[in-house]
């Protein structure tokens, strides 16, 4: 099957192909942009005319942003997102440690008590932090806060 025909627009580096609308199958323009970044030619999809509300001027604006200093290409955005997810997965937070600890505990009466204490006192303050981020001063400060807010009155 031959490649689809590209139709040029009035904007340099912006072209479109005639595709089919998702769901209905009606004809729809799909806009693409081309530019050079670090000496390499980059071809990317800018968006669909109806689904993404894309037009040739909007695609040209996206092209200018991507060619600029801070603009990331679609490939670079995907790589950055993947790296962020890997870093997050490799990060041992207090929540992750609690879940591992709780999964390996023997069932008993104290499991519910400990889970309640963790959810009420520890998770809101320290849940998304790594153990190395919890300084002793922070622990004593949060302890005094707990005593003030949750002290049982006789």
Protein backbone atom coordinates (compact mmCIF):
# COMPACT_ATOMS: atom_id res chain seq x y z
CA UNK A 1 0.00 0.00 0.00
CA UNK A 2 1.52 3.38 -0.96
CA UNK A 3 2.15 6.12 1.57
CA UNK A 4 -0.63 8.65 2.00
CA UNK A 5 -0.38 11.83 0.01
CA UNK A 6 0.80 14.88 1.92
CA UNK A 7 -0.92 18.15 1.24
CA UNK A 8 1.03 21.33 1.91
CA UNK A 9 -0.42 24.35 3.68
CA UNK A 10 0.37 28.06 3.56
CA UNK A 11 2.61 27.58 6.61
CA UNK A 12 6.18 26.29 6.18
CA UNK A 13 6.84 22.93 7.79
CA UNK A 14 3.13 22.17 8.22
CA UNK A 15 1.28 19.64 6.10
CA UNK A 16 -1.71 17.37 6.45
CA UNK A 17 -2.99 14.04 5.23
CA UNK A 18 -6.56 12.97 4.66
CA UNK A 19 -7.42 10.41 7.33
CA UNK A 20 -10.62 9.02 8.75
CA UNK A 21 -12.33 10.34 11.84
CA UNK A 22 -12.21 7.94 14.75
CA UNK A 23 -15.62 6.40 15.38
CA UNK A 24 -17.54 7.70 12.38
CA UNK A 25 -15.07 7.04 9.58
CA UNK A 26 -15.69 10.42 7.96
CA UNK A 27 -12.77 12.17 6.27
CA UNK A 28 -10.61 14.27 8.59
CA UNK A 29 -7.39 16.23 8.24
CA UNK A 30 -4.45 15.06 10.34
CA UNK A 31 -1.79 17.76 10.68
CA UNK A 32 1.93 17.05 10.85
CA UNK A 33 4.89 19.33 11.45
CA UNK A 34 8.52 19.08 10.35
CA UNK A 35 11.47 20.96 11.75
CA UNK A 36 15.16 20.59 12.49
CA UNK A 37 16.42 20.26 16.05
CA UNK A 38 20.11 19.80 16.84
CA UNK A 39 20.78 19.14 13.16
CA UNK A 40 18.25 16.32 12.92
CA UNK A 41 15.04 16.39 10.91
CA UNK A 42 11.98 15.77 13.09
CA UNK A 43 8.54 14.73 11.76
CA UNK A 44 5.69 14.73 14.27
CA UNK A 45 1.96 14.56 14.39
CA UNK A 46 0.48 17.85 15.60
CA UNK A 47 -3.13 16.68 15.89
CA UNK A 48 -6.42 15.88 14.23
CA UNK A 49 -8.72 18.58 12.90
CA UNK A 50 -11.84 17.58 14.85
CA UNK A 51 -10.63 15.53 17.79
CA UNK A 52 -7.76 17.86 18.79
CA UNK A 53 -9.33 21.01 17.29
CA UNK A 54 -6.21 21.45 15.16
CA UNK A 55 -5.72 23.81 12.25
CA UNK A 56 -2.76 24.82 10.10
CA UNK A 57 -2.07 28.02 12.11
CA UNK A 58 -2.18 26.09 15.39
CA UNK A 59 0.16 23.47 13.99
CA UNK A 60 2.53 26.25 12.89
CA UNK A 61 2.46 27.67 16.42
CA UNK A 62 3.30 24.24 17.87
CA UNK A 63 6.15 23.96 15.36
CA UNK A 64 7.61 27.31 16.49
CA UNK A 65 7.38 26.24 20.16
CA UNK A 66 9.13 22.93 19.45
CA UNK A 67 11.90 24.61 17.50
CA UNK A 68 12.57 26.98 20.41
CA UNK A 69 14.93 26.40 23.31
CA UNK A 70 12.52 24.80 25.81
CA UNK A 71 10.29 22.94 23.38
CA UNK A 72 10.38 19.16 23.69
CA UNK A 73 9.45 16.91 20.81
CA UNK A 74 6.87 14.16 21.30
CA UNK A 75 9.66 11.58 21.56
CA UNK A 76 11.49 13.63 24.21
CA UNK A 77 8.27 14.07 26.18
CA UNK A 78 7.66 10.30 26.15
CA UNK A 79 11.25 9.61 27.28
CA UNK A 80 11.01 12.16 30.09
CA UNK A 81 7.69 10.69 31.29
CA UNK A 82 9.13 7.16 31.20
CA UNK A 83 12.21 8.28 33.17
CA UNK A 84 9.98 9.98 35.74
CA UNK A 85 7.88 6.83 36.16
CA UNK A 86 10.99 4.67 36.58
CA UNK A 87 12.37 7.06 39.20
CA UNK A 88 9.04 7.03 41.04
CA UNK A 89 8.88 3.22 40.94
CA UNK A 90 12.39 2.95 42.37
CA UNK A 91 11.64 5.36 45.21
CA UNK A 92 10.94 3.67 48.55
CA UNK A 93 8.43 5.84 50.39
CA UNK A 94 6.99 5.24 53.84
CA UNK A 95 3.74 4.10 52.16
CA UNK A 96 5.54 1.45 50.09
CA UNK A 97 7.46 0.23 53.14
CA UNK A 98 4.24 0.01 55.16
CA UNK A 99 2.49 -2.00 52.45
CA UNK A 100 5.41 -4.47 52.22
CA UNK A 101 5.60 -4.75 56.00
CA UNK A 102 1.86 -5.23 56.37
CA UNK A 103 1.75 -7.89 53.64
CA UNK A 104 4.35 -10.00 55.45
CA UNK A 105 2.83 -9.76 58.93
CA UNK A 106 1.18 -12.58 60.74
CA UNK A 107 -2.57 -12.06 61.15
CA UNK A 108 -3.59 -11.00 64.60
CA UNK A 109 -5.41 -8.49 66.71
CA UNK A 110 -2.73 -5.82 66.47
CA UNK A 111 -2.87 -5.63 62.66
CA UNK A 112 -6.04 -3.52 62.64
CA UNK A 113 -4.79 -1.33 65.48
CA UNK A 114 -1.49 -0.66 63.76
CA UNK A 115 -3.20 -0.01 60.43
CA UNK A 116 -5.52 2.52 62.06
CA UNK A 117 -2.63 4.29 63.75
CA UNK A 118 -0.66 4.39 60.53
CA UNK A 119 -3.56 5.77 58.48
CA UNK A 120 -4.50 8.36 61.10
CA UNK A 121 -1.13 9.63 62.30
CA UNK A 122 1.76 8.60 60.05
CA UNK A 123 0.42 8.47 56.49
CA UNK A 124 -0.92 12.05 56.27
CA UNK A 125 2.43 13.52 57.33
CA UNK A 126 5.07 11.05 56.11
CA UNK A 127 3.32 8.78 53.58
CA UNK A 128 4.82 10.17 50.36
CA UNK A 129 8.32 10.79 51.79
CA UNK A 130 11.39 8.62 51.81
CA UNK A 131 12.75 7.59 55.20
CA UNK A 132 15.90 9.64 54.57
CA UNK A 133 13.76 12.78 54.22
CA UNK A 134 12.40 12.43 57.76
CA UNK A 135 14.80 14.29 60.03
CA UNK A 136 14.71 13.70 63.82
CA UNK A 137 13.58 17.28 64.39
CA UNK A 138 10.63 16.71 62.00
CA UNK A 139 9.66 13.58 63.93
CA UNK A 140 9.68 15.36 67.29
CA UNK A 141 7.80 18.35 65.86
CA UNK A 142 5.14 16.11 64.36
CA UNK A 143 4.98 14.19 67.65
CA UNK A 144 4.17 17.34 69.57
CA UNK A 145 1.53 18.20 66.96
CA UNK A 146 -0.02 14.77 67.45
CA UNK A 147 -0.04 15.24 71.20
CA UNK A 148 -1.76 18.60 70.91
CA UNK A 149 -4.37 17.49 68.39
CA UNK A 150 -5.06 13.94 69.50
CA UNK A 151 -4.38 13.93 73.21
CA UNK A 152 -7.01 11.99 75.08
CA UNK A 153 -8.66 13.95 77.81
CA UNK A 154 -9.35 12.11 81.10
